Amino acid sequence: MTSVLLTGFEPFGGERVNPSWQAVSLLTGRRRDTVAVELPCVFSRSLVTLRDAIDEYRPELVICVGQAGGRADVTPERVAINLIDARIPDNAGSQPVDVPVIPGGPSAYFTTLPVKASVAGIKNAGLPASVSHTAGTYVCNQVFYGLMHLLDNDFPGVRGGFVHIPYTPEQAARTTAPSLATHRAAEALEIIVDTALSVTEDLSTPAGTLH
């Protein structure tokens, strides 16, 4: 059985690449206990693809990864909200506004990853990281919320969460946004994987004081 399912997204918003897919592909290329699946950046298809992957691989841990242009850190997400409010259309041209991810679902779900311990480990490796308390309201948050809803209702005992990573240097060269090389993002993701597989109770340190 595959221990860890990692997901990344296809490019969106006019980008030619998505660092989330590049990083998880690089990581799974060197770990036999992981598998990577690319999710469509399409509201109507992302959760179907995710569920199919969980059904197929039956992992003990699911970590979904997305691109966060403008962020300088690798940011494990702490909470997903039951809201889609798309600032731009998805790759199928859909732009839902003010609709729930799951009608009738809880207002929010918290990650079951040890996000603070993961951030501490990434920082100790000399990489930029911080805990995030918002995954936005686009497809990333939809996938995060949908993942936690699936795990809570249909896959008890499976842990999961979401991580945002910065642009690649190639993407950031056209803007003033910060960036992180793909191999460094993959290193940070590997620390999150190892931490989540070994730590069941997160640190109690306030997020702003992690070092």
N, C-alpha and C. Protein backbone atom coordinates (compact mmCIF):
# COMPACT_ATOMS: atom_id res chain seq x y z
N MET A 1 0.83 -1.20 0.00
CA MET A 1 0.00 0.00 0.00
C MET A 1 0.87 1.25 0.00
N THR A 2 0.52 2.20 -0.83
CA THR A 2 1.21 3.49 -0.82
C THR A 2 0.95 4.20 0.50
N SER A 3 2.01 4.67 1.14
CA SER A 3 1.85 5.36 2.41
C SER A 3 1.36 6.79 2.23
N VAL A 4 1.85 7.47 1.18
CA VAL A 4 1.59 8.90 1.04
C VAL A 4 1.12 9.20 -0.38
N LEU A 5 -0.01 9.87 -0.47
CA LEU A 5 -0.49 10.41 -1.74
C LEU A 5 -0.21 11.91 -1.75
N LEU A 6 0.52 12.35 -2.76
CA LEU A 6 0.78 13.77 -2.96
C LEU A 6 0.06 14.23 -4.21
N THR A 7 -0.52 15.41 -4.16
CA THR A 7 -1.15 15.97 -5.35
C THR A 7 -0.60 17.36 -5.63
N GLY A 8 -0.51 17.68 -6.91
CA GLY A 8 -0.20 19.03 -7.36
C GLY A 8 -1.20 19.41 -8.43
N PHE A 9 -1.16 20.66 -8.84
CA PHE A 9 -2.12 21.15 -9.83
C PHE A 9 -1.48 21.34 -11.20
N GLU A 10 -2.29 21.26 -12.21
CA GLU A 10 -1.90 21.69 -13.54
C GLU A 10 -1.73 23.21 -13.55
N PRO A 11 -1.02 23.75 -14.54
CA PRO A 11 -0.89 25.22 -14.63
C PRO A 11 -2.25 25.89 -14.80
N PHE A 12 -2.35 27.12 -14.31
CA PHE A 12 -3.59 27.89 -14.44
C PHE A 12 -3.24 29.37 -14.50
N GLY A 13 -4.24 30.17 -14.82
CA GLY A 13 -4.06 31.62 -14.82
C GLY A 13 -3.04 32.12 -15.83
N GLY A 14 -2.85 31.38 -16.93
CA GLY A 14 -1.91 31.81 -17.95
C GLY A 14 -0.49 31.34 -17.75
N GLU A 15 -0.21 30.64 -16.64
CA GLU A 15 1.13 30.12 -16.38
C GLU A 15 1.39 28.87 -17.24
N ARG A 16 2.65 28.64 -17.57
CA ARG A 16 3.02 27.46 -18.35
C ARG A 16 3.37 26.27 -17.47
N VAL A 17 3.67 26.53 -16.22
CA VAL A 17 4.01 25.46 -15.27
C VAL A 17 3.29 25.73 -13.97
N ASN A 18 3.22 24.71 -13.14
CA ASN A 18 2.72 24.87 -11.77
C ASN A 18 3.75 24.24 -10.85
N PRO A 19 4.38 25.03 -9.97
CA PRO A 19 5.44 24.49 -9.12
C PRO A 19 4.97 23.38 -8.19
N SER A 20 3.67 23.36 -7.88
CA SER A 20 3.17 22.30 -7.00
C SER A 20 3.34 20.93 -7.66
N TRP A 21 3.01 20.84 -8.94
CA TRP A 21 3.16 19.56 -9.64
C TRP A 21 4.64 19.24 -9.87
N GLN A 22 5.43 20.23 -10.18
CA GLN A 22 6.86 20.00 -10.37
C GLN A 22 7.50 19.46 -9.09
N ALA A 23 7.16 20.05 -7.96
CA ALA A 23 7.79 19.66 -6.70
C ALA A 23 7.35 18.27 -6.25
N VAL A 24 6.05 17.97 -6.34
CA VAL A 24 5.62 16.64 -5.89
C VAL A 24 6.13 15.56 -6.84
N SER A 25 6.25 15.87 -8.11
CA SER A 25 6.80 14.90 -9.06
C SER A 25 8.26 14.61 -8.74
N LEU A 26 9.01 15.65 -8.41
CA LEU A 26 10.41 15.47 -8.04
C LEU A 26 10.54 14.63 -6.78
N LEU A 27 9.70 14.91 -5.79
CA LEU A 27 9.76 14.16 -4.53
C LEU A 27 9.41 12.70 -4.72
N THR A 28 8.34 12.42 -5.44
CA THR A 28 7.94 11.02 -5.62
C THR A 28 8.94 10.25 -6.47
N GLY A 29 9.73 10.96 -7.26
CA GLY A 29 10.76 10.30 -8.05
C GLY A 29 11.87 9.70 -7.22
N ARG A 30 11.98 10.14 -5.96
CA ARG A 30 13.06 9.61 -5.12
C ARG A 30 12.55 8.91 -3.85
N ARG A 31 11.23 8.74 -3.74
CA ARG A 31 10.67 8.03 -2.58
C ARG A 31 9.73 6.94 -3.05
N ARG A 32 9.96 5.72 -2.59
CA ARG A 32 9.12 4.60 -3.02
C ARG A 32 7.80 4.53 -2.27
N ASP A 33 7.67 5.29 -1.17
CA ASP A 33 6.45 5.23 -0.37
C ASP A 33 5.45 6.31 -0.76
N THR A 34 5.72 7.03 -1.86
CA THR A 34 4.83 8.11 -2.27
C THR A 34 4.36 7.91 -3.71
N VAL A 35 3.23 8.51 -4.02
CA VAL A 35 2.73 8.56 -5.38
C VAL A 35 2.18 9.96 -5.61
N ALA A 36 2.32 10.46 -6.84
CA ALA A 36 1.86 11.81 -7.16
C ALA A 36 0.74 11.75 -8.19
N VAL A 37 -0.26 12.59 -8.00
CA VAL A 37 -1.38 12.71 -8.93
C VAL A 37 -1.58 14.19 -9.24
N GLU A 38 -1.73 14.52 -10.52
CA GLU A 38 -1.97 15.89 -10.93
C GLU A 38 -3.47 16.17 -10.94
N LEU A 39 -3.87 17.22 -10.24
CA LEU A 39 -5.29 17.60 -10.19
C LEU A 39 -5.58 18.68 -11.22
N PRO A 40 -6.74 18.62 -11.85
CA PRO A 40 -7.14 19.71 -12.75
C PRO A 40 -7.52 20.95 -11.95
N CYS A 41 -7.18 22.11 -12.49
CA CYS A 41 -7.60 23.36 -11.85
C CYS A 41 -8.99 23.71 -12.39
N VAL A 42 -9.93 22.84 -12.06
CA VAL A 42 -11.30 22.94 -12.54
C VAL A 42 -12.22 22.56 -11.38
N PHE A 43 -13.10 23.46 -11.00
CA PHE A 43 -13.95 23.22 -9.84
C PHE A 43 -14.76 21.93 -9.96
N SER A 44 -15.26 21.64 -11.13
CA SER A 44 -16.15 20.49 -11.29
C SER A 44 -15.42 19.16 -11.34
N ARG A 45 -14.09 19.18 -11.47
CA ARG A 45 -13.35 17.94 -11.64
C ARG A 45 -12.32 17.66 -10.57
N SER A 46 -11.90 18.67 -9.82
CA SER A 46 -10.76 18.50 -8.91
C SER A 46 -11.05 17.46 -7.83
N LEU A 47 -12.21 17.53 -7.20
CA LEU A 47 -12.50 16.61 -6.10
C LEU A 47 -12.81 15.20 -6.60
N VAL A 48 -13.35 15.09 -7.80
CA VAL A 48 -13.57 13.76 -8.39
C VAL A 48 -12.24 13.07 -8.61
N THR A 49 -11.27 13.80 -9.16
CA THR A 49 -9.94 13.24 -9.39
C THR A 49 -9.27 12.87 -8.08
N LEU A 50 -9.42 13.72 -7.07
CA LEU A 50 -8.82 13.45 -5.77
C LEU A 50 -9.42 12.20 -5.14
N ARG A 51 -10.73 12.09 -5.16
CA ARG A 51 -11.36 10.90 -4.57
C ARG A 51 -10.93 9.63 -5.30
N ASP A 52 -10.89 9.68 -6.62
CA ASP A 52 -10.47 8.51 -7.39
C ASP A 52 -9.06 8.08 -6.99
N ALA A 53 -8.18 9.05 -6.75
CA ALA A 53 -6.81 8.74 -6.37
C ALA A 53 -6.75 8.09 -4.98
N ILE A 54 -7.54 8.61 -4.04
CA ILE A 54 -7.56 8.01 -2.70
C ILE A 54 -8.12 6.59 -2.77
N ASP A 55 -9.18 6.40 -3.55
CA ASP A 55 -9.75 5.07 -3.73
C ASP A 55 -8.73 4.10 -4.32
N GLU A 56 -7.95 4.58 -5.28
CA GLU A 56 -7.00 3.70 -5.96
C GLU A 56 -5.81 3.35 -5.09
N TYR A 57 -5.24 4.33 -4.41
CA TYR A 57 -3.97 4.10 -3.71
C TYR A 57 -4.12 3.79 -2.23
N ARG A 58 -5.23 4.12 -1.63
CA ARG A 58 -5.49 3.84 -0.21
C ARG A 58 -4.32 4.26 0.68
N PRO A 59 -3.92 5.53 0.63
CA PRO A 59 -2.78 5.99 1.43
C PRO A 59 -3.14 6.15 2.89
N GLU A 60 -2.14 6.25 3.72
CA GLU A 60 -2.36 6.60 5.13
C GLU A 60 -2.23 8.10 5.35
N LEU A 61 -1.69 8.81 4.35
CA LEU A 61 -1.46 10.24 4.45
C LEU A 61 -1.69 10.87 3.08
N VAL A 62 -2.42 12.00 3.06
CA VAL A 62 -2.66 12.73 1.81
C VAL A 62 -2.23 14.17 2.01
N ILE A 63 -1.32 14.63 1.15
CA ILE A 63 -0.87 16.03 1.21
C ILE A 63 -1.09 16.64 -0.17
N CYS A 64 -2.00 17.59 -0.24
CA CYS A 64 -2.26 18.31 -1.47
C CYS A 64 -1.43 19.59 -1.47
N VAL A 65 -0.90 19.93 -2.62
CA VAL A 65 0.01 21.06 -2.74
C VAL A 65 -0.47 21.99 -3.84
N GLY A 66 -0.35 23.29 -3.60
CA GLY A 66 -0.76 24.28 -4.57
C GLY A 66 0.22 25.43 -4.67
N GLN A 67 0.08 26.21 -5.71
CA GLN A 67 0.90 27.39 -5.96
C GLN A 67 0.29 28.60 -5.28
N ALA A 68 1.13 29.37 -4.60
CA ALA A 68 0.69 30.64 -4.00
C ALA A 68 1.63 31.74 -4.45
N GLY A 69 1.38 32.28 -5.63
CA GLY A 69 2.20 33.37 -6.13
C GLY A 69 2.12 34.57 -5.21
N GLY A 70 3.27 35.11 -4.85
CA GLY A 70 3.32 36.24 -3.92
C GLY A 70 3.80 35.86 -2.54
N ARG A 71 3.65 34.59 -2.17
CA ARG A 71 4.16 34.15 -0.87
C ARG A 71 5.64 33.80 -0.98
N ALA A 72 6.38 34.12 0.08
CA ALA A 72 7.81 33.82 0.11
C ALA A 72 8.11 32.51 0.79
N ASP A 73 7.16 32.00 1.59
CA ASP A 73 7.39 30.81 2.40
C ASP A 73 6.65 29.60 1.87
N VAL A 74 7.12 28.43 2.24
CA VAL A 74 6.32 27.22 2.16
C VAL A 74 5.34 27.28 3.32
N THR A 75 4.05 27.18 3.02
CA THR A 75 3.05 27.45 4.04
C THR A 75 2.05 26.30 4.19
N PRO A 76 2.27 25.42 5.15
CA PRO A 76 1.22 24.45 5.48
C PRO A 76 -0.03 25.18 5.96
N GLU A 77 -1.16 24.78 5.40
CA GLU A 77 -2.42 25.45 5.72
C GLU A 77 -3.07 24.81 6.95
N ARG A 78 -3.64 25.65 7.78
CA ARG A 78 -4.23 25.17 9.02
C ARG A 78 -5.73 24.90 8.92
N VAL A 79 -6.44 25.71 8.10
CA VAL A 79 -7.90 25.60 8.09
C VAL A 79 -8.44 25.82 6.67
N ALA A 80 -9.43 25.04 6.31
CA ALA A 80 -10.15 25.18 5.04
C ALA A 80 -11.57 25.62 5.34
N ILE A 81 -12.10 26.53 4.52
CA ILE A 81 -13.45 27.03 4.74
C ILE A 81 -14.40 26.56 3.64
N ASN A 82 -15.67 26.47 3.98
CA ASN A 82 -16.67 25.95 3.06
C ASN A 82 -17.19 27.08 2.16
N LEU A 83 -16.28 27.59 1.33
CA LEU A 83 -16.63 28.72 0.48
C LEU A 83 -15.79 28.70 -0.78
N ILE A 84 -16.45 28.90 -1.92
CA ILE A 84 -15.78 29.17 -3.18
C ILE A 84 -16.16 30.58 -3.61
N ASP A 85 -15.15 31.39 -3.87
CA ASP A 85 -15.36 32.77 -4.32
C ASP A 85 -14.22 33.08 -5.28
N ALA A 86 -14.35 32.63 -6.52
CA ALA A 86 -13.24 32.61 -7.47
C ALA A 86 -12.92 34.01 -8.00
N ARG A 87 -11.67 34.43 -7.83
CA ARG A 87 -11.26 35.74 -8.34
C ARG A 87 -11.02 35.70 -9.84
N ILE A 88 -10.69 34.52 -10.39
CA ILE A 88 -10.51 34.35 -11.83
C ILE A 88 -11.20 33.05 -12.24
N PRO A 89 -11.53 32.89 -13.52
CA PRO A 89 -12.12 31.62 -13.96
C PRO A 89 -11.14 30.46 -13.81
N ASP A 90 -11.68 29.26 -13.62
CA ASP A 90 -10.82 28.08 -13.62
C ASP A 90 -10.46 27.70 -15.05
N ASN A 91 -9.77 26.59 -15.23
CA ASN A 91 -9.31 26.22 -16.57
C ASN A 91 -10.42 25.78 -17.51
N ALA A 92 -11.63 25.64 -16.98
CA ALA A 92 -12.78 25.34 -17.83
C ALA A 92 -13.66 26.58 -18.05
N GLY A 93 -13.20 27.72 -17.55
CA GLY A 93 -13.95 28.96 -17.72
C GLY A 93 -15.01 29.21 -16.67
N SER A 94 -15.07 28.39 -15.63
CA SER A 94 -16.08 28.56 -14.58
C SER A 94 -15.56 29.50 -13.49
N GLN A 95 -16.41 30.38 -13.01
CA GLN A 95 -16.03 31.32 -11.96
C GLN A 95 -17.14 31.45 -10.92
N PRO A 96 -17.32 30.40 -10.09
CA PRO A 96 -18.37 30.47 -9.07
C PRO A 96 -18.05 31.50 -8.00
N VAL A 97 -19.08 32.14 -7.50
CA VAL A 97 -18.92 33.19 -6.49
C VAL A 97 -19.92 32.93 -5.35
N ASP A 98 -19.41 32.96 -4.12
CA ASP A 98 -20.24 32.85 -2.92
C ASP A 98 -21.07 31.57 -2.90
N VAL A 99 -20.43 30.44 -3.20
CA VAL A 99 -21.10 29.15 -3.12
C VAL A 99 -20.29 28.23 -2.22
N PRO A 100 -20.93 27.28 -1.55
CA PRO A 100 -20.19 26.37 -0.68
C PRO A 100 -19.43 25.31 -1.47
N VAL A 101 -18.36 24.82 -0.87
CA VAL A 101 -17.67 23.66 -1.44
C VAL A 101 -18.58 22.44 -1.35
N ILE A 102 -19.13 22.21 -0.16
CA ILE A 102 -20.06 21.12 0.11
C ILE A 102 -21.33 21.71 0.70
N PRO A 103 -22.43 21.76 -0.03
CA PRO A 103 -23.67 22.29 0.54
C PRO A 103 -24.05 21.55 1.82
N GLY A 104 -24.32 22.29 2.87
CA GLY A 104 -24.68 21.69 4.15
C GLY A 104 -23.52 21.20 4.97
N GLY A 105 -22.28 21.35 4.44
CA GLY A 105 -21.11 20.91 5.19
C GLY A 105 -20.75 21.86 6.31
N PRO A 106 -19.84 21.45 7.19
CA PRO A 106 -19.39 22.35 8.26
C PRO A 106 -18.77 23.63 7.69
N SER A 107 -18.75 24.66 8.49
CA SER A 107 -18.18 25.93 8.04
C SER A 107 -16.70 25.81 7.72
N ALA A 108 -16.00 24.93 8.45
CA ALA A 108 -14.56 24.80 8.25
C ALA A 108 -14.08 23.43 8.72
N TYR A 109 -12.93 23.05 8.21
CA TYR A 109 -12.21 21.87 8.68
C TYR A 109 -10.78 22.28 8.99
N PHE A 110 -10.23 21.71 10.06
CA PHE A 110 -8.82 21.90 10.37
C PHE A 110 -8.00 20.75 9.81
N THR A 111 -6.78 21.06 9.41
CA THR A 111 -5.86 20.03 8.94
C THR A 111 -5.60 19.01 10.04
N THR A 112 -5.22 17.81 9.64
CA THR A 112 -4.76 16.81 10.61
C THR A 112 -3.26 16.57 10.46
N LEU A 113 -2.58 17.48 9.75
CA LEU A 113 -1.12 17.45 9.68
C LEU A 113 -0.52 18.24 10.85
N PRO A 114 0.65 17.87 11.32
CA PRO A 114 1.33 18.65 12.37
C PRO A 114 2.01 19.87 11.75
N VAL A 115 1.24 20.91 11.51
CA VAL A 115 1.75 22.03 10.73
C VAL A 115 2.86 22.80 11.45
N LYS A 116 2.74 22.97 12.75
CA LYS A 116 3.77 23.71 13.48
C LYS A 116 5.07 22.93 13.54
N ALA A 117 4.99 21.64 13.80
CA ALA A 117 6.19 20.81 13.82
C ALA A 117 6.83 20.78 12.43
N SER A 118 6.01 20.76 11.40
CA SER A 118 6.53 20.76 10.03
C SER A 118 7.26 22.06 9.73
N VAL A 119 6.67 23.18 10.11
CA VAL A 119 7.32 24.48 9.88
C VAL A 119 8.64 24.56 10.64
N ALA A 120 8.66 24.08 11.87
CA ALA A 120 9.90 24.10 12.64
C ALA A 120 10.98 23.27 11.95
N GLY A 121 10.61 22.11 11.42
CA GLY A 121 11.57 21.27 10.73
C GLY A 121 12.09 21.91 9.45
N ILE A 122 11.21 22.55 8.71
CA ILE A 122 11.63 23.22 7.47
C ILE A 122 12.58 24.37 7.78
N LYS A 123 12.24 25.15 8.79
CA LYS A 123 13.12 26.26 9.16
C LYS A 123 14.48 25.77 9.65
N ASN A 124 14.47 24.68 10.39
CA ASN A 124 15.75 24.13 10.87
C ASN A 124 16.63 23.66 9.72
N ALA A 125 16.02 23.36 8.57
CA ALA A 125 16.77 22.97 7.39
C ALA A 125 17.20 24.18 6.57
N GLY A 126 16.91 25.38 7.05
CA GLY A 126 17.33 26.59 6.37
C GLY A 126 16.44 27.03 5.24
N LEU A 127 15.19 26.57 5.26
CA LEU A 127 14.23 26.92 4.22
C LEU A 127 13.12 27.80 4.80
N PRO A 128 12.52 28.68 3.99
CA PRO A 128 11.49 29.58 4.50
C PRO A 128 10.15 28.87 4.68
N ALA A 129 9.54 29.06 5.83
CA ALA A 129 8.26 28.40 6.10
C ALA A 129 7.50 29.15 7.17
N SER A 130 6.17 29.06 7.10
CA SER A 130 5.31 29.61 8.13
C SER A 130 3.96 28.93 8.04
N VAL A 131 3.23 28.94 9.15
CA VAL A 131 1.87 28.40 9.17
C VAL A 131 0.95 29.43 8.54
N SER A 132 0.07 28.98 7.66
CA SER A 132 -0.93 29.86 7.05
C SER A 132 -2.30 29.54 7.62
N HIS A 133 -3.09 30.59 7.81
CA HIS A 133 -4.45 30.42 8.31
C HIS A 133 -5.50 30.74 7.26
N THR A 134 -5.08 30.85 6.01
CA THR A 134 -6.05 31.00 4.93
C THR A 134 -5.52 30.36 3.66
N ALA A 135 -6.31 29.48 3.11
CA ALA A 135 -5.97 28.83 1.84
C ALA A 135 -6.67 29.52 0.68
N GLY A 136 -7.25 30.70 0.92
CA GLY A 136 -7.95 31.41 -0.12
C GLY A 136 -9.36 30.89 -0.32
N THR A 137 -9.93 31.22 -1.49
CA THR A 137 -11.29 30.76 -1.80
C THR A 137 -11.37 30.26 -3.24
N TYR A 138 -10.21 29.82 -3.76
CA TYR A 138 -10.15 29.33 -5.14
C TYR A 138 -10.08 27.80 -5.11
N VAL A 139 -9.54 27.19 -6.14
CA VAL A 139 -9.55 25.72 -6.23
C VAL A 139 -8.70 25.09 -5.14
N CYS A 140 -7.64 25.76 -4.70
CA CYS A 140 -6.81 25.20 -3.62
C CYS A 140 -7.64 24.97 -2.36
N ASN A 141 -8.37 25.99 -1.95
CA ASN A 141 -9.21 25.83 -0.76
C ASN A 141 -10.31 24.80 -0.99
N GLN A 142 -10.88 24.77 -2.20
CA GLN A 142 -11.89 23.76 -2.51
C GLN A 142 -11.33 22.35 -2.31
N VAL A 143 -10.13 22.12 -2.82
CA VAL A 143 -9.51 20.80 -2.69
C VAL A 143 -9.19 20.51 -1.23
N PHE A 144 -8.67 21.48 -0.51
CA PHE A 144 -8.35 21.29 0.91
C PHE A 144 -9.61 20.94 1.70
N TYR A 145 -10.66 21.74 1.52
CA TYR A 145 -11.91 21.46 2.24
C TYR A 145 -12.48 20.12 1.80
N GLY A 146 -12.51 19.87 0.50
CA GLY A 146 -13.05 18.62 0.00
C GLY A 146 -12.28 17.42 0.50
N LEU A 147 -10.94 17.55 0.58
CA LEU A 147 -10.12 16.47 1.11
C LEU A 147 -10.50 16.16 2.55
N MET A 148 -10.58 17.19 3.38
CA MET A 148 -10.87 16.95 4.79
C MET A 148 -12.28 16.40 4.98
N HIS A 149 -13.22 16.82 4.12
CA HIS A 149 -14.57 16.28 4.19
C HIS A 149 -14.57 14.80 3.81
N LEU A 150 -13.82 14.44 2.79
CA LEU A 150 -13.70 13.04 2.39
C LEU A 150 -13.10 12.19 3.50
N LEU A 151 -12.01 12.69 4.08
CA LEU A 151 -11.34 11.92 5.12
C LEU A 151 -12.23 11.77 6.36
N ASP A 152 -12.94 12.84 6.69
CA ASP A 152 -13.80 12.81 7.88
C ASP A 152 -14.98 11.86 7.71
N ASN A 153 -15.49 11.75 6.50
CA ASN A 153 -16.71 10.97 6.28
C ASN A 153 -16.48 9.59 5.68
N ASP A 154 -15.48 9.44 4.82
CA ASP A 154 -15.35 8.20 4.06
C ASP A 154 -14.05 7.43 4.27
N PHE A 155 -13.03 8.10 4.81
CA PHE A 155 -11.73 7.44 4.97
C PHE A 155 -11.20 7.67 6.39
N PRO A 156 -11.88 7.14 7.38
CA PRO A 156 -11.45 7.36 8.78
C PRO A 156 -10.05 6.80 9.01
N GLY A 157 -9.27 7.56 9.75
CA GLY A 157 -7.91 7.13 10.06
C GLY A 157 -6.86 7.67 9.11
N VAL A 158 -7.28 8.16 7.95
CA VAL A 158 -6.34 8.76 7.01
C VAL A 158 -6.15 10.23 7.40
N ARG A 159 -4.90 10.66 7.46
CA ARG A 159 -4.60 12.04 7.82
C ARG A 159 -4.31 12.84 6.55
N GLY A 160 -4.54 14.14 6.61
CA GLY A 160 -4.29 14.93 5.41
C GLY A 160 -4.30 16.41 5.66
N GLY A 161 -3.89 17.14 4.60
CA GLY A 161 -3.88 18.59 4.66
C GLY A 161 -3.36 19.18 3.37
N PHE A 162 -3.10 20.46 3.41
CA PHE A 162 -2.75 21.22 2.21
C PHE A 162 -1.54 22.10 2.49
N VAL A 163 -0.69 22.25 1.47
CA VAL A 163 0.51 23.09 1.57
C VAL A 163 0.59 23.98 0.34
N HIS A 164 0.86 25.26 0.55
CA HIS A 164 1.13 26.17 -0.56
C HIS A 164 2.64 26.39 -0.68
N ILE A 165 3.11 26.49 -1.92
CA ILE A 165 4.52 26.80 -2.15
C ILE A 165 4.62 28.02 -3.08
N PRO A 166 5.75 28.73 -3.02
CA PRO A 166 5.90 29.95 -3.84
C PRO A 166 6.09 29.63 -5.33
N TYR A 167 6.11 30.70 -6.13
CA TYR A 167 6.49 30.60 -7.53
C TYR A 167 7.88 29.99 -7.68
N THR A 168 8.15 29.44 -8.84
CA THR A 168 9.53 29.10 -9.20
C THR A 168 10.25 30.39 -9.60
N PRO A 169 11.59 30.38 -9.61
CA PRO A 169 12.32 31.58 -10.07
C PRO A 169 11.94 31.99 -11.49
N GLU A 170 11.67 31.01 -12.36
CA GLU A 170 11.29 31.32 -13.73
C GLU A 170 9.97 32.08 -13.79
N GLN A 171 9.01 31.68 -12.97
CA GLN A 171 7.74 32.40 -12.92
C GLN A 171 7.92 33.80 -12.34
N ALA A 172 8.70 33.88 -11.28
CA ALA A 172 8.85 35.16 -10.58
C ALA A 172 9.67 36.17 -11.38
N ALA A 173 10.42 35.70 -12.36
CA ALA A 173 11.26 36.61 -13.15
C ALA A 173 10.44 37.65 -13.90
N ARG A 174 9.18 37.35 -14.13
CA ARG A 174 8.31 38.28 -14.85
C ARG A 174 7.59 39.24 -13.91
N THR A 175 7.80 39.08 -12.61
CA THR A 175 7.10 39.89 -11.61
C THR A 175 8.09 40.34 -10.55
N THR A 176 7.57 40.91 -9.49
CA THR A 176 8.40 41.26 -8.33
C THR A 176 8.16 40.26 -7.20
N ALA A 177 7.49 39.15 -7.48
CA ALA A 177 7.13 38.18 -6.45
C ALA A 177 8.36 37.38 -5.99
N PRO A 178 8.36 36.93 -4.75
CA PRO A 178 9.44 36.04 -4.29
C PRO A 178 9.30 34.67 -4.94
N SER A 179 10.34 33.85 -4.80
CA SER A 179 10.32 32.54 -5.43
C SER A 179 11.12 31.53 -4.61
N LEU A 180 10.99 30.27 -4.99
CA LEU A 180 11.74 29.19 -4.36
C LEU A 180 12.01 28.14 -5.43
N ALA A 181 13.25 27.71 -5.53
CA ALA A 181 13.61 26.71 -6.52
C ALA A 181 12.84 25.41 -6.27
N THR A 182 12.52 24.72 -7.35
CA THR A 182 11.70 23.52 -7.25
C THR A 182 12.33 22.47 -6.35
N HIS A 183 13.63 22.28 -6.45
CA HIS A 183 14.26 21.24 -5.62
C HIS A 183 14.23 21.62 -4.15
N ARG A 184 14.24 22.90 -3.85
CA ARG A 184 14.12 23.33 -2.46
C ARG A 184 12.70 23.15 -1.95
N ALA A 185 11.72 23.43 -2.80
CA ALA A 185 10.33 23.18 -2.42
C ALA A 185 10.10 21.70 -2.16
N ALA A 186 10.70 20.85 -2.99
CA ALA A 186 10.58 19.40 -2.79
C ALA A 186 11.22 18.98 -1.48
N GLU A 187 12.34 19.60 -1.12
CA GLU A 187 12.98 19.30 0.17
C GLU A 187 12.05 19.66 1.33
N ALA A 188 11.40 20.81 1.23
CA ALA A 188 10.47 21.21 2.28
C ALA A 188 9.29 20.26 2.37
N LEU A 189 8.77 19.84 1.23
CA LEU A 189 7.66 18.89 1.23
C LEU A 189 8.07 17.55 1.83
N GLU A 190 9.30 17.15 1.58
CA GLU A 190 9.76 15.88 2.16
C GLU A 190 9.82 15.97 3.68
N ILE A 191 10.22 17.13 4.19
CA ILE A 191 10.23 17.32 5.64
C ILE A 191 8.81 17.24 6.19
N ILE A 192 7.86 17.80 5.48
CA ILE A 192 6.46 17.72 5.92
C ILE A 192 5.99 16.27 5.92
N VAL A 193 6.32 15.53 4.87
CA VAL A 193 5.94 14.11 4.80
C VAL A 193 6.54 13.34 5.97
N ASP A 194 7.84 13.50 6.19
CA ASP A 194 8.50 12.75 7.26
C ASP A 194 7.95 13.14 8.63
N THR A 195 7.69 14.43 8.81
CA THR A 195 7.15 14.89 10.09
C THR A 195 5.76 14.32 10.32
N ALA A 196 4.92 14.36 9.28
CA ALA A 196 3.55 13.86 9.42
C ALA A 196 3.51 12.36 9.67
N LEU A 197 4.47 11.62 9.11
CA LEU A 197 4.51 10.18 9.33
C LEU A 197 5.01 9.80 10.73
N SER A 198 5.73 10.72 11.37
CA SER A 198 6.33 10.39 12.66
C SER A 198 5.74 11.13 13.85
N VAL A 199 5.01 12.23 13.58
CA VAL A 199 4.48 13.07 14.66
C VAL A 199 2.95 13.02 14.62
N THR A 200 2.35 12.64 15.72
CA THR A 200 0.89 12.60 15.78
C THR A 200 0.31 13.75 16.58
N GLU A 201 1.12 14.39 17.41
CA GLU A 201 0.65 15.53 18.21
C GLU A 201 1.51 16.73 17.90
N ASP A 202 0.89 17.80 17.42
CA ASP A 202 1.63 18.96 16.97
C ASP A 202 2.22 19.75 18.14
N LEU A 203 3.17 20.63 17.81
CA LEU A 203 3.75 21.52 18.81
C LEU A 203 2.69 22.45 19.37
N SER A 204 2.87 22.89 20.62
CA SER A 204 1.94 23.84 21.21
C SER A 204 2.49 25.26 21.18
N THR A 205 3.64 25.45 20.53
CA THR A 205 4.24 26.77 20.41
C THR A 205 3.37 27.68 19.56
N PRO A 206 3.17 28.95 19.95
CA PRO A 206 2.44 29.87 19.08
C PRO A 206 3.09 29.96 17.72
N ALA A 207 2.27 30.00 16.66
CA ALA A 207 2.78 29.93 15.30
C ALA A 207 3.78 31.04 15.01
N GLY A 208 3.57 32.21 15.56
CA GLY A 208 4.44 33.34 15.27
C GLY A 208 5.80 33.26 15.92
N THR A 209 6.01 32.28 16.83
CA THR A 209 7.30 32.20 17.51
C THR A 209 8.14 31.03 17.04
N LEU A 210 7.69 30.31 16.03
CA LEU A 210 8.46 29.16 15.53
C LEU A 210 9.78 29.63 14.95
N HIS A 211 10.82 28.84 15.20
CA HIS A 211 12.13 29.19 14.65
C HIS A 211 12.95 27.92 14.47
